[in-house]
Every structure is written in C-alpha cells, then in structure tokens.
Amino acid sequence: MFDEVPRPDINAGPADMGKLIGMSGLDIMRATMAGEIAAPTIAETMNFWIHQADEGMAEFRGEPTTAHMNPLGTVHGGWAMALLDSVLGCAVHTTCAPGEGFVSMDTCVKFVRPMMPGTGQVRAIATVQTRGKRVANVEGRVESRDGKVIALGTSTCFIQPIGG
C-alpha cells in the first residue's frame, strides 16, 4: 500500500551526454528527480516518473489514462511493460559508476491483473538481485494503491561504457 504523490512537472528533453558521462547512475537519477537534468521524453508520453532511487533500487509512479487504452478498453499491456522496463533499467543504472551505462539484454513481464484507465496512480518498484562487472539481474513489480500486484518483471542488463 502506498500514498499517492502529486505528479511532478516533468522537465523532459534529450539527454546531454557531455554532462551525463561524468555522473554516476545514482547521481543521474537524483538529478532527474530534482529537475536538474531533463527526464527522458518517454516519461511525458507515458505519464510516469521516477519517484525514488537508491543504490540498487528504483521506484517509479505513473497514472494510465484513456490515452493508454487498448481496443478492449483496458490499459494496454505495453504501458505496464514500458513502466517496468524503465524502473528495472533505472535500478541497474543506480549501480553504474561515472562513464558506465547499460543496455537491456532481455526483459520478461507477467501480467497478473488488468489495469483500467481509472485505476489511478500505480507504483513500480525494482531491486537489483545480482550485479557483476558486466551483467546485472533485476526484478520488479507494478502495484495498485491497495497493494495488489498488477504485473511482475525481470531483466538482465549488460553494463558497458557510455557510448560503447
């Protein structure tokens, strides 16, 4: 269970790679939350944002709208998948040193229950399970305000130099 938080003003725009290369992944997450660097534009498109980050974990919040519906009137599974892919990757990113980044090698999502446009705010939480020199494994979930699991996800990420 969690309390809703107001959606922050999302300062979205292209990444300034010159600035990012000298920052750790955790510093990037914290600077994004503080509005000091631009959030990825997908955050604006999908109506989700990073809410919390610490070493090896990340939490996003989001609210699906009618703009995210599939033809059957529920929120498209791709919305939950994008939310999970983002929070899973950001959890891994919090473990990256300056000059390090990552790419997803795979992501697996299991849908537990449907989301409706009126679901309200949901949260996605991810925690890094293993982190080696080049590979990290992470797991997470999307849950409703009443604590019900909506979707589960795992990802394996490849750690590499930024621009590598």
Protein backbone atom coordinates (compact mmCIF):
# COMPACT_ATOMS: atom_id res chain seq x y z
CA MET A 1 0.00 0.00 0.00
CA PHE A 2 1.22 3.50 -0.75
CA ASP A 3 0.07 7.08 -0.67
CA GLU A 4 -0.41 8.91 -3.94
CA VAL A 5 2.02 11.70 -4.65
CA PRO A 6 1.39 14.65 -6.95
CA ARG A 7 2.80 14.26 -10.44
CA PRO A 8 5.86 16.47 -10.63
CA ASP A 9 6.39 18.86 -13.50
CA ILE A 10 8.34 16.71 -15.92
CA ASN A 11 11.27 18.55 -17.47
CA ALA A 12 11.61 16.20 -20.44
CA GLY A 13 14.09 16.50 -23.26
CA PRO A 14 17.09 14.95 -24.97
CA ALA A 15 19.98 13.72 -22.85
CA ASP A 16 23.04 15.95 -22.52
CA MET A 17 25.68 13.25 -22.90
CA GLY A 18 28.50 15.67 -22.12
CA LYS A 19 27.02 16.22 -18.68
CA LEU A 20 25.91 12.64 -18.03
CA ILE A 21 29.23 10.96 -18.78
CA GLY A 22 30.83 12.41 -15.61
CA MET A 23 27.95 11.38 -13.31
CA SER A 24 27.22 8.08 -11.61
CA GLY A 25 23.92 6.43 -12.45
CA LEU A 26 22.58 7.20 -8.98
CA ASP A 27 23.59 10.86 -9.38
CA ILE A 28 21.75 10.93 -12.73
CA MET A 29 18.58 9.51 -11.13
CA ARG A 30 18.73 12.03 -8.28
CA ALA A 31 19.41 14.95 -10.64
CA THR A 32 16.46 13.88 -12.79
CA MET A 33 14.16 13.76 -9.74
CA ALA A 34 15.37 17.22 -8.70
CA GLY A 35 14.70 18.61 -12.20
CA GLU A 36 18.39 19.46 -12.67
CA ILE A 37 18.65 17.39 -15.84
CA ALA A 38 15.97 16.54 -18.35
CA ALA A 39 13.89 13.43 -17.86
CA PRO A 40 13.57 11.10 -20.85
CA THR A 41 10.73 12.20 -23.12
CA ILE A 42 9.01 8.83 -22.68
CA ALA A 43 8.14 9.93 -19.12
CA GLU A 44 5.96 12.68 -20.54
CA THR A 45 4.43 10.48 -23.24
CA MET A 46 3.60 7.64 -20.85
CA ASN A 47 2.71 9.78 -17.81
CA PHE A 48 5.18 8.15 -15.42
CA TRP A 49 8.15 9.45 -13.46
CA ILE A 50 10.96 8.41 -11.15
CA HIS A 51 9.88 8.85 -7.55
CA GLN A 52 12.76 7.38 -5.57
CA ALA A 53 16.22 5.92 -6.18
CA ASP A 54 18.95 4.48 -4.06
CA GLU A 55 21.85 2.11 -4.68
CA GLY A 56 20.35 -0.93 -6.42
CA MET A 57 16.70 0.18 -6.33
CA ALA A 58 14.29 2.49 -8.07
CA GLU A 59 10.65 3.38 -7.69
CA PHE A 60 8.51 4.95 -10.38
CA ARG A 61 4.98 6.30 -10.16
CA GLY A 62 2.56 6.63 -13.01
CA GLU A 63 -1.05 7.05 -13.91
CA PRO A 64 -2.50 5.43 -17.00
CA THR A 65 -5.13 7.46 -18.82
CA THR A 66 -7.58 6.87 -21.65
CA ALA A 67 -4.66 7.70 -24.00
CA HIS A 68 -3.11 4.35 -22.97
CA MET A 69 -6.11 2.10 -23.71
CA ASN A 70 -6.22 -0.94 -25.97
CA PRO A 71 -9.23 -1.73 -28.21
CA LEU A 72 -10.93 -3.64 -25.35
CA GLY A 73 -10.98 -0.62 -23.05
CA THR A 74 -8.27 -1.68 -20.61
CA VAL A 75 -4.83 -0.09 -20.30
CA HIS A 76 -2.58 -1.57 -22.98
CA GLY A 77 -0.08 -4.07 -21.60
CA GLY A 78 2.66 -2.08 -23.31
CA TRP A 79 2.13 0.69 -20.77
CA ALA A 80 2.95 -1.64 -17.85
CA MET A 81 5.81 -3.15 -19.86
CA ALA A 82 7.31 0.29 -20.56
CA LEU A 83 6.93 1.23 -16.89
CA LEU A 84 8.64 -1.99 -15.79
CA ASP A 85 11.39 -1.73 -18.40
CA SER A 86 12.11 1.82 -17.19
CA VAL A 87 12.16 1.07 -13.47
CA LEU A 88 14.16 -2.16 -13.94
CA GLY A 89 16.77 -0.35 -16.03
CA CYS A 90 16.95 2.60 -13.65
CA ALA A 91 17.54 0.27 -10.68
CA VAL A 92 20.53 -1.14 -12.56
CA HIS A 93 21.62 2.35 -13.56
CA THR A 94 21.89 3.31 -9.86
CA THR A 95 24.77 0.82 -9.61
CA CYS A 96 26.73 2.33 -12.52
CA ALA A 97 29.89 4.36 -11.97
CA PRO A 98 30.60 7.56 -13.91
CA GLY A 99 31.13 6.67 -17.56
CA GLU A 100 29.16 3.42 -17.24
CA GLY A 101 25.77 2.73 -18.73
CA PHE A 102 23.72 -0.32 -19.58
CA VAL A 103 21.55 -1.90 -22.23
CA SER A 104 18.77 -4.37 -21.59
CA MET A 105 19.58 -7.86 -22.82
CA ASP A 106 16.09 -9.15 -22.08
CA THR A 107 13.00 -8.20 -20.16
CA CYS A 108 10.21 -10.55 -19.13
CA VAL A 109 6.81 -9.33 -17.94
CA LYS A 110 3.99 -11.35 -16.39
CA PHE A 111 0.57 -9.69 -16.24
CA VAL A 112 -1.33 -10.54 -13.06
CA ARG A 113 -4.44 -8.39 -13.37
CA PRO A 114 -5.78 -5.77 -15.81
CA MET A 115 -5.50 -2.03 -15.36
CA MET A 116 -8.30 0.31 -16.23
CA PRO A 117 -7.86 3.99 -17.16
CA GLY A 118 -9.46 4.89 -13.79
CA THR A 119 -7.04 2.71 -11.82
CA GLY A 120 -5.35 5.83 -10.51
CA GLN A 121 -1.72 6.11 -9.57
CA VAL A 122 0.35 2.93 -9.59
CA ARG A 123 3.91 2.34 -8.50
CA ALA A 124 6.65 0.20 -9.94
CA ILE A 125 9.48 -0.92 -7.69
CA ALA A 126 12.65 -2.67 -8.83
CA THR A 127 15.62 -4.11 -6.97
CA VAL A 128 18.91 -5.35 -8.38
CA GLN A 129 19.37 -9.01 -7.45
CA THR A 130 22.90 -9.55 -8.80
CA ARG A 131 25.49 -7.15 -10.21
CA GLY A 132 28.72 -8.34 -11.73
CA LYS A 133 31.30 -6.44 -13.73
CA ARG A 134 29.31 -6.72 -16.97
CA VAL A 135 25.88 -8.22 -16.16
CA ALA A 136 23.14 -7.28 -13.71
CA ASN A 137 19.87 -9.07 -12.95
CA VAL A 138 16.93 -7.12 -11.58
CA GLU A 139 13.34 -7.83 -10.61
CA GLY A 140 10.33 -5.64 -10.00
CA ARG A 141 6.60 -5.27 -9.84
CA VAL A 142 3.81 -2.83 -10.60
CA GLU A 143 1.21 -2.50 -7.89
CA SER A 144 -2.00 -0.60 -7.25
CA ARG A 145 -2.58 1.78 -4.34
CA ASP A 146 -4.17 -1.04 -2.35
CA GLY A 147 -1.07 -3.21 -2.77
CA LYS A 148 -2.41 -5.57 -5.42
CA VAL A 149 0.22 -6.78 -7.88
CA ILE A 150 -0.63 -5.80 -11.45
CA ALA A 151 2.48 -7.07 -13.23
CA LEU A 152 5.82 -8.67 -12.42
CA GLY A 153 9.05 -8.22 -14.35
CA THR A 154 12.66 -9.30 -14.58
CA SER A 155 15.51 -8.06 -16.72
CA THR A 156 19.12 -8.83 -17.46
CA CYS A 157 21.24 -5.83 -18.33
CA PHE A 158 24.68 -5.56 -19.91
CA ILE A 159 26.95 -2.98 -18.28
CA GLN A 160 29.15 -1.06 -20.71
CA PRO A 161 30.91 2.25 -21.13
CA ILE A 162 28.56 5.09 -22.13
CA GLY A 163 28.64 5.33 -25.90
CA GLY A 164 30.24 1.84 -26.07
